[in-house]
């Protein structure tokens, strides 16, 4: 957490602040059972997230909490709106556009690790620049005003598997570095292990359009979940062995890149209201499930953490069968 916040809030308060993003991402889609995601709601979301970003400069806990919630809620409209356009126009080539996000994430981590800077200022600037860039999509004619609601029952296996899949990531995102340090892997090596995952993700995003359309999206979803379970099991049985952990990180190409693209393609096939479907995908997968995964991983943390995470992921695979 930025030094600016750690000087004013307790660890418990900081944890609550960060929880607002996934909670907002989960709750916001339910508002659109009756409302329509269109250019107006998209523009309003851009304005709200921009104004909320400036509230992050406050030292007041309630104001910061409110700001993070509104940023999360706004992004729950902005990103599905943009991604629905991308998946509609690009289809299987969507990954070639998504690669810039992965590259930016890696570049951000590398560049700013060498600078002593308050990341709140960087975060605010990035939000503003993202929103300015997003204005380009306001005039896009491919976004249809679909009012049809989402019937979770027609794809209940997918939604449940999505939850289990993302819960299994809790241990990885929260404790991967700590787990490795406890098994005597230096922090410098940990940085490269994280980078391997991102590089694998970028690589597969660039080439997946060449093969992903050869099979139904459900095939790739099932395969990705199965490989993710194997990935966590490798972390368990090869704890402390850098080569095998590096190999497990290569599976991130499937755990995130292939899974994400295939999930969006699948949702676009079965739901008319594609934007709302993607809102719920983000809200349930990266909101509710991420929140639960973070809590559960804290309960499970120990020598058997990634064994448990492997079992959680394989349950998702079995449900899909």
C-alpha atoms as a PDB file:
ATOM      1  CA  UNK A   1       0.000   0.000   0.000  1.00  0.00           C
ATOM      2  CA  UNK A   2       1.306   3.503  -0.776  1.00  0.00           C
ATOM      3  CA  UNK A   3       3.223   5.133   2.017  1.00  0.00           C
ATOM      4  CA  UNK A   4       0.711   7.960   1.969  1.00  0.00           C
ATOM      5  CA  UNK A   5      -1.977   5.563   3.243  1.00  0.00           C
ATOM      6  CA  UNK A   6       0.138   3.390   5.529  1.00  0.00           C
ATOM      7  CA  UNK A   7       0.944   6.471   7.601  1.00  0.00           C
ATOM      8  CA  UNK A   8      -2.745   7.120   8.296  1.00  0.00           C
ATOM      9  CA  UNK A   9      -4.566   3.769   8.302  1.00  0.00           C
ATOM     10  CA  UNK A  10      -4.194   0.483  10.145  1.00  0.00           C
ATOM     11  CA  UNK A  11      -3.558  -2.747   8.201  1.00  0.00           C
ATOM     12  CA  UNK A  12      -7.182  -3.752   8.870  1.00  0.00           C
ATOM     13  CA  UNK A  13      -8.457  -0.489   7.394  1.00  0.00           C
ATOM     14  CA  UNK A  14      -6.200  -0.862   4.361  1.00  0.00           C
ATOM     15  CA  UNK A  15      -7.584  -4.374   3.828  1.00  0.00           C
ATOM     16  CA  UNK A  16     -11.140  -3.025   3.930  1.00  0.00           C
ATOM     17  CA  UNK A  17     -10.234  -0.258   1.462  1.00  0.00           C
ATOM     18  CA  UNK A  18      -8.837  -2.750  -1.046  1.00  0.00           C
ATOM     19  CA  UNK A  19     -11.881  -5.007  -0.645  1.00  0.00           C
ATOM     20  CA  UNK A  20     -14.105  -2.251  -2.065  1.00  0.00           C
ATOM     21  CA  UNK A  21     -12.897  -2.845  -5.628  1.00  0.00           C
ATOM     22  CA  UNK A  22     -13.962  -6.511  -5.924  1.00  0.00           C
ATOM     23  CA  UNK A  23     -17.156  -5.911  -3.929  1.00  0.00           C
ATOM     24  CA  UNK A  24     -18.160  -3.051  -6.245  1.00  0.00           C
ATOM     25  CA  UNK A  25     -17.344  -5.145  -9.324  1.00  0.00           C
ATOM     26  CA  UNK A  26     -19.643  -7.876  -8.019  1.00  0.00           C
ATOM     27  CA  UNK A  27     -22.584  -5.671  -6.977  1.00  0.00           C
ATOM     28  CA  UNK A  28     -22.716  -3.245  -9.915  1.00  0.00           C
ATOM     29  CA  UNK A  29     -23.953  -5.700 -12.622  1.00  0.00           C
ATOM     30  CA  UNK A  30     -27.122  -6.351 -10.616  1.00  0.00           C
ATOM     31  CA  UNK A  31     -28.158  -2.723 -11.220  1.00  0.00           C
ATOM     32  CA  UNK A  32     -28.271  -3.446 -14.936  1.00  0.00           C
ATOM     33  CA  UNK A  33     -30.945  -6.110 -14.744  1.00  0.00           C
ATOM     34  CA  UNK A  34     -33.296  -3.147 -15.269  1.00  0.00           C
ATOM     35  CA  UNK A  35     -30.958  -0.505 -16.686  1.00  0.00           C
ATOM     36  CA  UNK A  36     -29.237  -0.564 -20.079  1.00  0.00           C
ATOM     37  CA  UNK A  37     -25.507  -0.159 -20.541  1.00  0.00           C
ATOM     38  CA  UNK A  38     -25.244   2.436 -23.283  1.00  0.00           C
ATOM     39  CA  UNK A  39     -23.139   5.425 -24.243  1.00  0.00           C
ATOM     40  CA  UNK A  40     -24.780   7.572 -21.563  1.00  0.00           C
ATOM     41  CA  UNK A  41     -24.038   5.185 -18.694  1.00  0.00           C
ATOM     42  CA  UNK A  42     -20.558   4.675 -20.141  1.00  0.00           C
ATOM     43  CA  UNK A  43     -19.882   8.449 -20.129  1.00  0.00           C
ATOM     44  CA  UNK A  44     -21.319   8.846 -16.623  1.00  0.00           C
ATOM     45  CA  UNK A  45     -19.026   6.054 -15.414  1.00  0.00           C
ATOM     46  CA  UNK A  46     -16.007   7.821 -16.929  1.00  0.00           C
ATOM     47  CA  UNK A  47     -16.918  11.049 -15.124  1.00  0.00           C
ATOM     48  CA  UNK A  48     -17.582   9.321 -11.783  1.00  0.00           C
ATOM     49  CA  UNK A  49     -14.303   7.365 -11.829  1.00  0.00           C
ATOM     50  CA  UNK A  50     -12.355  10.530 -12.717  1.00  0.00           C
ATOM     51  CA  UNK A  51     -13.897  12.514  -9.859  1.00  0.00           C
ATOM     52  CA  UNK A  52     -13.481   9.595  -7.454  1.00  0.00           C
ATOM     53  CA  UNK A  53      -9.792   9.359  -8.376  1.00  0.00           C
ATOM     54  CA  UNK A  54      -9.134  12.813  -6.929  1.00  0.00           C
ATOM     55  CA  UNK A  55     -10.776  11.743  -3.651  1.00  0.00           C
ATOM     56  CA  UNK A  56      -7.877   9.305  -3.195  1.00  0.00           C
ATOM     57  CA  UNK A  57      -5.747  12.286  -2.119  1.00  0.00           C
ATOM     58  CA  UNK A  58      -7.805  12.506   1.068  1.00  0.00           C
ATOM     59  CA  UNK A  59      -6.622  11.146   4.424  1.00  0.00           C
ATOM     60  CA  UNK A  60     -10.169  10.410   5.557  1.00  0.00           C
ATOM     61  CA  UNK A  61     -11.001   6.694   5.789  1.00  0.00           C
ATOM     62  CA  UNK A  62     -14.662   7.055   4.763  1.00  0.00           C
ATOM     63  CA  UNK A  63     -13.812   9.221   1.770  1.00  0.00           C
ATOM     64  CA  UNK A  64     -11.103   6.800   0.565  1.00  0.00           C
ATOM     65  CA  UNK A  65     -13.496   3.881   1.051  1.00  0.00           C
ATOM     66  CA  UNK A  66     -16.179   5.641  -0.984  1.00  0.00           C
ATOM     67  CA  UNK A  67     -13.685   6.554  -3.714  1.00  0.00           C
ATOM     68  CA  UNK A  68     -12.506   2.968  -4.168  1.00  0.00           C
ATOM     69  CA  UNK A  69     -16.090   1.713  -4.293  1.00  0.00           C
ATOM     70  CA  UNK A  70     -17.091   4.208  -6.995  1.00  0.00           C
ATOM     71  CA  UNK A  71     -13.934   3.501  -8.991  1.00  0.00           C
ATOM     72  CA  UNK A  72     -14.688  -0.229  -8.840  1.00  0.00           C
ATOM     73  CA  UNK A  73     -18.335   0.351  -9.797  1.00  0.00           C
ATOM     74  CA  UNK A  74     -17.372   2.626 -12.697  1.00  0.00           C
ATOM     75  CA  UNK A  75     -14.784   0.194 -14.033  1.00  0.00           C
ATOM     76  CA  UNK A  76     -17.460  -2.504 -13.859  1.00  0.00           C
ATOM     77  CA  UNK A  77     -19.250  -0.552 -16.604  1.00  0.00           C
ATOM     78  CA  UNK A  78     -16.302   0.880 -18.542  1.00  0.00           C
ATOM     79  CA  UNK A  79     -14.274  -2.270 -19.183  1.00  0.00           C
ATOM     80  CA  UNK A  80     -17.150  -4.657 -20.123  1.00  0.00           C
ATOM     81  CA  UNK A  81     -18.451  -1.959 -22.479  1.00  0.00           C
ATOM     82  CA  UNK A  82     -15.068  -1.729 -24.229  1.00  0.00           C
ATOM     83  CA  UNK A  83     -14.460  -5.487 -24.179  1.00  0.00           C
ATOM     84  CA  UNK A  84     -17.866  -6.202 -25.706  1.00  0.00           C
ATOM     85  CA  UNK A  85     -16.818  -4.005 -28.636  1.00  0.00           C
ATOM     86  CA  UNK A  86     -13.433  -5.717 -28.866  1.00  0.00           C
ATOM     87  CA  UNK A  87     -14.779  -9.277 -28.774  1.00  0.00           C
ATOM     88  CA  UNK A  88     -17.554  -8.396 -31.261  1.00  0.00           C
ATOM     89  CA  UNK A  89     -15.138  -6.908 -33.795  1.00  0.00           C
ATOM     90  CA  UNK A  90     -12.037  -9.014 -33.263  1.00  0.00           C
ATOM     91  CA  UNK A  91     -13.522 -12.414 -32.322  1.00  0.00           C
ATOM     92  CA  UNK A  92     -10.596 -14.868 -31.965  1.00  0.00           C
ATOM     93  CA  UNK A  93      -8.098 -12.044 -32.584  1.00  0.00           C
ATOM     94  CA  UNK A  94      -9.199 -10.359 -29.342  1.00  0.00           C
ATOM     95  CA  UNK A  95      -6.007 -11.558 -27.638  1.00  0.00           C
ATOM     96  CA  UNK A  96      -3.850  -9.398 -29.912  1.00  0.00           C
ATOM     97  CA  UNK A  97      -5.536  -6.329 -28.446  1.00  0.00           C
ATOM     98  CA  UNK A  98      -5.547  -7.656 -24.876  1.00  0.00           C
ATOM     99  CA  UNK A  99      -1.771  -8.159 -24.984  1.00  0.00           C
ATOM    100  CA  UNK A 100      -1.215  -4.415 -24.451  1.00  0.00           C
ATOM    101  CA  UNK A 101      -2.760  -4.670 -20.987  1.00  0.00           C
ATOM    102  CA  UNK A 102      -0.426  -7.499 -20.046  1.00  0.00           C
ATOM    103  CA  UNK A 103       2.564  -5.631 -21.435  1.00  0.00           C
ATOM    104  CA  UNK A 104       1.585  -2.481 -19.542  1.00  0.00           C
ATOM    105  CA  UNK A 105       1.261  -4.432 -16.289  1.00  0.00           C
ATOM    106  CA  UNK A 106       4.749  -5.873 -16.679  1.00  0.00           C
ATOM    107  CA  UNK A 107       6.270  -2.564 -17.766  1.00  0.00           C
ATOM    108  CA  UNK A 108       4.677  -0.747 -14.833  1.00  0.00           C
ATOM    109  CA  UNK A 109       6.153  -3.212 -12.350  1.00  0.00           C
ATOM    110  CA  UNK A 110       9.636  -3.002 -13.857  1.00  0.00           C
ATOM    111  CA  UNK A 111       9.890   0.758 -14.377  1.00  0.00           C
ATOM    112  CA  UNK A 112       8.427   1.946 -11.098  1.00  0.00           C
ATOM    113  CA  UNK A 113      10.433  -0.517  -9.039  1.00  0.00           C
ATOM    114  CA  UNK A 114      13.411   1.786  -9.702  1.00  0.00           C
ATOM    115  CA  UNK A 115      11.697   4.982  -8.551  1.00  0.00           C
ATOM    116  CA  UNK A 116      10.741   6.249  -5.099  1.00  0.00           C
ATOM    117  CA  UNK A 117       7.344   7.689  -5.856  1.00  0.00           C
ATOM    118  CA  UNK A 118       3.930   7.861  -4.223  1.00  0.00           C
ATOM    119  CA  UNK A 119       1.885   5.403  -6.260  1.00  0.00           C
ATOM    120  CA  UNK A 120      -1.381   7.166  -5.472  1.00  0.00           C
ATOM    121  CA  UNK A 121      -0.352   9.976  -7.829  1.00  0.00           C
ATOM    122  CA  UNK A 122       0.558   7.435 -10.504  1.00  0.00           C
ATOM    123  CA  UNK A 123      -2.761   5.626  -9.981  1.00  0.00           C
ATOM    124  CA  UNK A 124      -4.742   8.869 -10.372  1.00  0.00           C
ATOM    125  CA  UNK A 125      -2.855   9.812 -13.549  1.00  0.00           C
ATOM    126  CA  UNK A 126      -3.407   6.347 -15.032  1.00  0.00           C
ATOM    127  CA  UNK A 127      -7.150   6.490 -14.293  1.00  0.00           C
ATOM    128  CA  UNK A 128      -7.443   9.883 -15.999  1.00  0.00           C
ATOM    129  CA  UNK A 129      -5.425   8.781 -19.042  1.00  0.00           C
ATOM    130  CA  UNK A 130      -7.468   5.563 -19.300  1.00  0.00           C
ATOM    131  CA  UNK A 131     -10.727   7.513 -19.183  1.00  0.00           C
ATOM    132  CA  UNK A 132      -9.568  10.005 -21.797  1.00  0.00           C
ATOM    133  CA  UNK A 133      -8.589   7.143 -24.100  1.00  0.00           C
ATOM    134  CA  UNK A 134     -11.949   5.443 -23.431  1.00  0.00           C
ATOM    135  CA  UNK A 135     -13.798   8.436 -24.896  1.00  0.00           C
ATOM    136  CA  UNK A 136     -12.844   7.028 -28.294  1.00  0.00           C
ATOM    137  CA  UNK A 137     -15.417   4.249 -27.813  1.00  0.00           C
ATOM    138  CA  UNK A 138     -18.329   6.638 -27.244  1.00  0.00           C
ATOM    139  CA  UNK A 139     -19.072   6.831 -30.962  1.00  0.00           C
ATOM    140  CA  UNK A 140     -18.781   3.121 -31.648  1.00  0.00           C
ATOM    141  CA  UNK A 141     -21.832   1.851 -33.522  1.00  0.00           C
ATOM    142  CA  UNK A 142     -21.330  -1.840 -32.711  1.00  0.00           C
ATOM    143  CA  UNK A 143     -22.749  -1.585 -29.186  1.00  0.00           C
ATOM    144  CA  UNK A 144     -26.394  -2.588 -29.294  1.00  0.00           C
ATOM    145  CA  UNK A 145     -28.870  -1.505 -26.647  1.00  0.00           C
ATOM    146  CA  UNK A 146     -29.770  -4.967 -25.405  1.00  0.00           C
ATOM    147  CA  UNK A 147     -32.229  -5.050 -22.501  1.00  0.00           C
ATOM    148  CA  UNK A 148     -32.431  -8.819 -22.159  1.00  0.00           C
ATOM    149  CA  UNK A 149     -31.485 -10.028 -18.696  1.00  0.00           C
ATOM    150  CA  UNK A 150     -29.014 -12.791 -17.866  1.00  0.00           C
ATOM    151  CA  UNK A 151     -30.228 -16.326 -17.174  1.00  0.00           C
ATOM    152  CA  UNK A 152     -27.482 -17.965 -15.127  1.00  0.00           C
ATOM    153  CA  UNK A 153     -29.161 -21.385 -15.305  1.00  0.00           C
ATOM    154  CA  UNK A 154     -28.443 -21.894 -19.011  1.00  0.00           C
ATOM    155  CA  UNK A 155     -24.715 -21.855 -18.223  1.00  0.00           C
ATOM    156  CA  UNK A 156     -24.690 -22.650 -14.501  1.00  0.00           C
ATOM    157  CA  UNK A 157     -21.763 -25.061 -14.843  1.00  0.00           C
ATOM    158  CA  UNK A 158     -19.631 -22.314 -16.370  1.00  0.00           C
ATOM    159  CA  UNK A 159     -20.520 -19.761 -13.684  1.00  0.00           C
ATOM    160  CA  UNK A 160     -19.796 -22.208 -10.862  1.00  0.00           C
ATOM    161  CA  UNK A 161     -16.543 -23.353 -12.481  1.00  0.00           C
ATOM    162  CA  UNK A 162     -15.546 -19.700 -12.941  1.00  0.00           C
ATOM    163  CA  UNK A 163     -16.018 -19.075  -9.213  1.00  0.00           C
ATOM    164  CA  UNK A 164     -13.956 -22.115  -8.225  1.00  0.00           C
ATOM    165  CA  UNK A 165     -11.256 -21.291 -10.779  1.00  0.00           C
ATOM    166  CA  UNK A 166     -10.813 -17.737  -9.496  1.00  0.00           C
ATOM    167  CA  UNK A 167     -11.016 -18.783  -5.835  1.00  0.00           C
ATOM    168  CA  UNK A 168      -8.073 -21.079  -6.522  1.00  0.00           C
ATOM    169  CA  UNK A 169      -6.046 -18.039  -7.606  1.00  0.00           C
ATOM    170  CA  UNK A 170      -6.340 -16.526  -4.112  1.00  0.00           C
ATOM    171  CA  UNK A 171      -3.315 -18.386  -2.791  1.00  0.00           C
ATOM    172  CA  UNK A 172      -1.273 -17.464  -5.854  1.00  0.00           C
ATOM    173  CA  UNK A 173      -1.978 -13.734  -5.828  1.00  0.00           C
ATOM    174  CA  UNK A 174      -1.725 -13.376  -2.054  1.00  0.00           C
ATOM    175  CA  UNK A 175       1.026 -15.794  -1.075  1.00  0.00           C
ATOM    176  CA  UNK A 176       3.069 -16.863  -4.129  1.00  0.00           C
ATOM    177  CA  UNK A 177       6.036 -14.651  -3.212  1.00  0.00           C
ATOM    178  CA  UNK A 178       5.809 -15.370   0.519  1.00  0.00           C
ATOM    179  CA  UNK A 179       5.481 -19.103  -0.156  1.00  0.00           C
ATOM    180  CA  UNK A 180       8.619 -19.053  -2.316  1.00  0.00           C
ATOM    181  CA  UNK A 181      10.581 -16.952   0.166  1.00  0.00           C
ATOM    182  CA  UNK A 182       9.695 -19.457   2.887  1.00  0.00           C
ATOM    183  CA  UNK A 183      11.188 -22.142   0.651  1.00  0.00           C
ATOM    184  CA  UNK A 184      14.442 -20.167   0.270  1.00  0.00           C
ATOM    185  CA  UNK A 185      13.867 -18.689  -3.181  1.00  0.00           C
ATOM    186  CA  UNK A 186      15.431 -15.166  -3.229  1.00  0.00           C
ATOM    187  CA  UNK A 187      13.185 -12.173  -3.862  1.00  0.00           C
ATOM    188  CA  UNK A 188      15.117 -11.345  -7.057  1.00  0.00           C
ATOM    189  CA  UNK A 189      14.253 -14.784  -8.459  1.00  0.00           C
ATOM    190  CA  UNK A 190      10.642 -14.261  -7.417  1.00  0.00           C
ATOM    191  CA  UNK A 191      10.502 -11.166  -9.598  1.00  0.00           C
ATOM    192  CA  UNK A 192      11.577 -13.207 -12.608  1.00  0.00           C
ATOM    193  CA  UNK A 193       9.089 -15.957 -11.770  1.00  0.00           C
ATOM    194  CA  UNK A 194       6.276 -13.389 -11.878  1.00  0.00           C
ATOM    195  CA  UNK A 195       7.669 -12.080 -15.169  1.00  0.00           C
ATOM    196  CA  UNK A 196       7.651 -15.577 -16.726  1.00  0.00           C
ATOM    197  CA  UNK A 197       3.905 -15.797 -16.131  1.00  0.00           C
ATOM    198  CA  UNK A 198       3.267 -12.425 -17.767  1.00  0.00           C
ATOM    199  CA  UNK A 199       5.563 -13.218 -20.713  1.00  0.00           C
ATOM    200  CA  UNK A 200       3.752 -16.526 -21.278  1.00  0.00           C
ATOM    201  CA  UNK A 201       0.440 -14.650 -21.137  1.00  0.00           C
ATOM    202  CA  UNK A 202       1.623 -12.083 -23.701  1.00  0.00           C
ATOM    203  CA  UNK A 203       3.026 -14.754 -26.005  1.00  0.00           C
ATOM    204  CA  UNK A 204      -0.181 -16.771 -26.120  1.00  0.00           C
ATOM    205  CA  UNK A 205      -2.326 -13.650 -26.593  1.00  0.00           C
ATOM    206  CA  UNK A 206      -0.317 -12.873 -29.731  1.00  0.00           C
ATOM    207  CA  UNK A 207      -0.741 -16.295 -31.366  1.00  0.00           C
ATOM    208  CA  UNK A 208      -3.963 -17.773 -29.948  1.00  0.00           C
ATOM    209  CA  UNK A 209      -6.061 -16.534 -32.889  1.00  0.00           C
ATOM    210  CA  UNK A 210      -4.251 -19.075 -35.064  1.00  0.00           C
ATOM    211  CA  UNK A 211      -5.624 -22.082 -33.188  1.00  0.00           C
ATOM    212  CA  UNK A 212      -8.325 -21.097 -30.671  1.00  0.00           C
ATOM    213  CA  UNK A 213     -11.154 -21.158 -33.238  1.00  0.00           C
ATOM    214  CA  UNK A 214     -10.389 -24.801 -34.138  1.00  0.00           C
ATOM    215  CA  UNK A 215     -12.268 -25.960 -31.019  1.00  0.00           C
ATOM    216  CA  UNK A 216     -15.367 -24.785 -29.176  1.00  0.00           C
ATOM    217  CA  UNK A 217     -14.650 -22.244 -26.378  1.00  0.00           C
ATOM    218  CA  UNK A 218     -15.832 -24.804 -23.804  1.00  0.00           C
ATOM    219  CA  UNK A 219     -12.973 -27.114 -24.783  1.00  0.00           C
ATOM    220  CA  UNK A 220     -10.401 -24.428 -24.025  1.00  0.00           C
ATOM    221  CA  UNK A 221     -12.172 -23.452 -20.792  1.00  0.00           C
ATOM    222  CA  UNK A 222     -12.066 -27.045 -19.521  1.00  0.00           C
ATOM    223  CA  UNK A 223      -8.441 -27.496 -20.582  1.00  0.00           C
ATOM    224  CA  UNK A 224      -7.415 -24.234 -18.921  1.00  0.00           C
ATOM    225  CA  UNK A 225      -9.038 -25.190 -15.614  1.00  0.00           C
ATOM    226  CA  UNK A 226      -7.423 -28.643 -15.694  1.00  0.00           C
ATOM    227  CA  UNK A 227      -3.972 -27.187 -16.405  1.00  0.00           C
ATOM    228  CA  UNK A 228      -4.471 -24.614 -13.647  1.00  0.00           C
ATOM    229  CA  UNK A 229      -5.099 -27.413 -11.171  1.00  0.00           C
ATOM    230  CA  UNK A 230      -1.880 -29.091 -12.352  1.00  0.00           C
ATOM    231  CA  UNK A 231      -0.097 -25.742 -11.999  1.00  0.00           C
ATOM    232  CA  UNK A 232      -1.024 -25.410  -8.305  1.00  0.00           C
ATOM    233  CA  UNK A 233      -0.129 -29.050  -7.675  1.00  0.00           C
ATOM    234  CA  UNK A 234       3.315 -28.429  -9.153  1.00  0.00           C
ATOM    235  CA  UNK A 235       3.822 -25.553  -6.711  1.00  0.00           C
ATOM    236  CA  UNK A 236       2.958 -27.949  -3.910  1.00  0.00           C
ATOM    237  CA  UNK A 237       5.125 -30.939  -4.837  1.00  0.00           C
ATOM    238  CA  UNK A 238       8.059 -28.899  -6.205  1.00  0.00           C
ATOM    239  CA  UNK A 239       8.148 -26.228  -3.488  1.00  0.00           C
ATOM    240  CA  UNK A 240      11.516 -24.471  -3.532  1.00  0.00           C
ATOM    241  CA  UNK A 241      12.586 -25.933  -6.902  1.00  0.00           C
ATOM    242  CA  UNK A 242      12.994 -22.929  -9.198  1.00  0.00           C
ATOM    243  CA  UNK A 243      13.019 -24.791 -12.531  1.00  0.00           C
ATOM    244  CA  UNK A 244       9.721 -26.571 -11.874  1.00  0.00           C
ATOM    245  CA  UNK A 245       8.100 -23.419 -10.494  1.00  0.00           C
ATOM    246  CA  UNK A 246       9.204 -21.565 -13.624  1.00  0.00           C
ATOM    247  CA  UNK A 247       7.594 -24.298 -15.740  1.00  0.00           C
ATOM    248  CA  UNK A 248       4.404 -24.001 -13.719  1.00  0.00           C
ATOM    249  CA  UNK A 249       4.365 -20.263 -14.442  1.00  0.00           C
ATOM    250  CA  UNK A 250       4.263 -20.984 -18.168  1.00  0.00           C
ATOM    251  CA  UNK A 251       0.794 -22.480 -17.592  1.00  0.00           C
ATOM    252  CA  UNK A 252      -0.395 -18.928 -16.926  1.00  0.00           C
ATOM    253  CA  UNK A 253      -0.763 -18.773 -20.708  1.00  0.00           C
ATOM    254  CA  UNK A 254      -3.789 -21.052 -20.234  1.00  0.00           C
ATOM    255  CA  UNK A 255      -4.826 -20.090 -16.691  1.00  0.00           C
ATOM    256  CA  UNK A 256      -5.447 -16.509 -17.744  1.00  0.00           C
ATOM    257  CA  UNK A 257      -4.989 -15.787 -21.462  1.00  0.00           C
ATOM    258  CA  UNK A 258      -6.727 -18.784 -23.052  1.00  0.00           C
ATOM    259  CA  UNK A 259      -9.322 -19.019 -20.288  1.00  0.00           C
ATOM    260  CA  UNK A 260     -10.178 -15.301 -20.477  1.00  0.00           C
ATOM    261  CA  UNK A 261     -10.528 -15.162 -24.262  1.00  0.00           C
ATOM    262  CA  UNK A 262     -12.487 -18.434 -24.410  1.00  0.00           C
ATOM    263  CA  UNK A 263     -14.824 -17.299 -21.632  1.00  0.00           C
ATOM    264  CA  UNK A 264     -15.619 -14.053 -23.460  1.00  0.00           C
ATOM    265  CA  UNK A 265     -16.172 -15.919 -26.734  1.00  0.00           C
ATOM    266  CA  UNK A 266     -18.448 -18.415 -24.967  1.00  0.00           C
ATOM    267  CA  UNK A 267     -20.516 -15.693 -23.284  1.00  0.00           C
ATOM    268  CA  UNK A 268     -20.879 -13.804 -26.579  1.00  0.00           C
ATOM    269  CA  UNK A 269     -22.307 -16.979 -28.150  1.00  0.00           C
ATOM    270  CA  UNK A 270     -24.933 -17.780 -25.528  1.00  0.00           C
ATOM    271  CA  UNK A 271     -26.110 -14.336 -24.353  1.00  0.00           C
ATOM    272  CA  UNK A 272     -27.657 -11.578 -26.452  1.00  0.00           C
ATOM    273  CA  UNK A 273     -26.853  -8.935 -23.857  1.00  0.00           C
ATOM    274  CA  UNK A 274     -23.100  -9.337 -24.283  1.00  0.00           C
ATOM    275  CA  UNK A 275     -22.084  -6.295 -22.234  1.00  0.00           C
ATOM    276  CA  UNK A 276     -24.137  -7.368 -19.215  1.00  0.00           C
ATOM    277  CA  UNK A 277     -22.800 -10.919 -19.543  1.00  0.00           C
ATOM    278  CA  UNK A 278     -19.254  -9.572 -19.452  1.00  0.00           C
ATOM    279  CA  UNK A 279     -20.140  -7.361 -16.498  1.00  0.00           C
ATOM    280  CA  UNK A 280     -21.199 -10.429 -14.560  1.00  0.00           C
ATOM    281  CA  UNK A 281     -18.146 -12.336 -15.762  1.00  0.00           C
ATOM    282  CA  UNK A 282     -15.905  -9.634 -14.286  1.00  0.00           C
ATOM    283  CA  UNK A 283     -18.079  -9.142 -11.221  1.00  0.00           C
ATOM    284  CA  UNK A 284     -18.443 -12.808 -10.333  1.00  0.00           C
ATOM    285  CA  UNK A 285     -14.994 -13.985 -11.400  1.00  0.00           C
ATOM    286  CA  UNK A 286     -12.769 -11.063 -10.510  1.00  0.00           C
ATOM    287  CA  UNK A 287     -15.066  -9.568  -7.897  1.00  0.00           C
ATOM    288  CA  UNK A 288     -16.888 -12.109  -5.721  1.00  0.00           C
ATOM    289  CA  UNK A 289     -14.584 -15.076  -6.395  1.00  0.00           C
ATOM    290  CA  UNK A 290     -11.437 -12.979  -6.016  1.00  0.00           C
ATOM    291  CA  UNK A 291     -12.744 -11.641  -2.709  1.00  0.00           C
ATOM    292  CA  UNK A 292     -13.584 -15.155  -1.477  1.00  0.00           C
ATOM    293  CA  UNK A 293     -10.273 -16.497  -2.778  1.00  0.00           C
ATOM    294  CA  UNK A 294      -8.339 -13.911  -0.820  1.00  0.00           C
ATOM    295  CA  UNK A 295     -10.147 -14.777   2.417  1.00  0.00           C
ATOM    296  CA  UNK A 296     -10.011 -18.554   1.909  1.00  0.00           C
ATOM    297  CA  UNK A 297      -6.305 -18.515   1.037  1.00  0.00           C
ATOM    298  CA  UNK A 298      -5.638 -16.760   4.333  1.00  0.00           C
ATOM    299  CA  UNK A 299      -7.424 -19.563   6.178  1.00  0.00           C
ATOM    300  CA  UNK A 300      -5.635 -22.270   4.209  1.00  0.00           C
ATOM    301  CA  UNK A 301      -2.146 -20.803   4.167  1.00  0.00           C
ATOM    302  CA  UNK A 302       0.584 -23.259   5.116  1.00  0.00           C
ATOM    303  CA  UNK A 303       2.630 -26.047   3.560  1.00  0.00           C
ATOM    304  CA  UNK A 304      -0.483 -27.543   1.912  1.00  0.00           C
ATOM    305  CA  UNK A 305      -1.903 -24.273   0.531  1.00  0.00           C
ATOM    306  CA  UNK A 306      -1.403 -25.083  -3.151  1.00  0.00           C
ATOM    307  CA  UNK A 307      -2.606 -28.641  -2.703  1.00  0.00           C
ATOM    308  CA  UNK A 308      -5.908 -27.197  -1.494  1.00  0.00           C
ATOM    309  CA  UNK A 309      -5.947 -24.691  -4.360  1.00  0.00           C
ATOM    310  CA  UNK A 310      -5.344 -27.548  -6.816  1.00  0.00           C
ATOM    311  CA  UNK A 311      -8.337 -29.437  -5.411  1.00  0.00           C
ATOM    312  CA  UNK A 312     -10.545 -26.328  -5.666  1.00  0.00           C
ATOM    313  CA  UNK A 313      -9.579 -25.881  -9.336  1.00  0.00           C
ATOM    314  CA  UNK A 314     -10.108 -29.551 -10.206  1.00  0.00           C
ATOM    315  CA  UNK A 315     -13.616 -29.346  -8.735  1.00  0.00           C
ATOM    316  CA  UNK A 316     -14.329 -26.648 -11.327  1.00  0.00           C
ATOM    317  CA  UNK A 317     -13.051 -28.946 -14.069  1.00  0.00           C
ATOM    318  CA  UNK A 318     -15.203 -31.852 -12.869  1.00  0.00           C
ATOM    319  CA  UNK A 319     -18.281 -29.613 -12.810  1.00  0.00           C
ATOM    320  CA  UNK A 320     -17.641 -28.618 -16.440  1.00  0.00           C
ATOM    321  CA  UNK A 321     -17.545 -32.310 -17.408  1.00  0.00           C
END
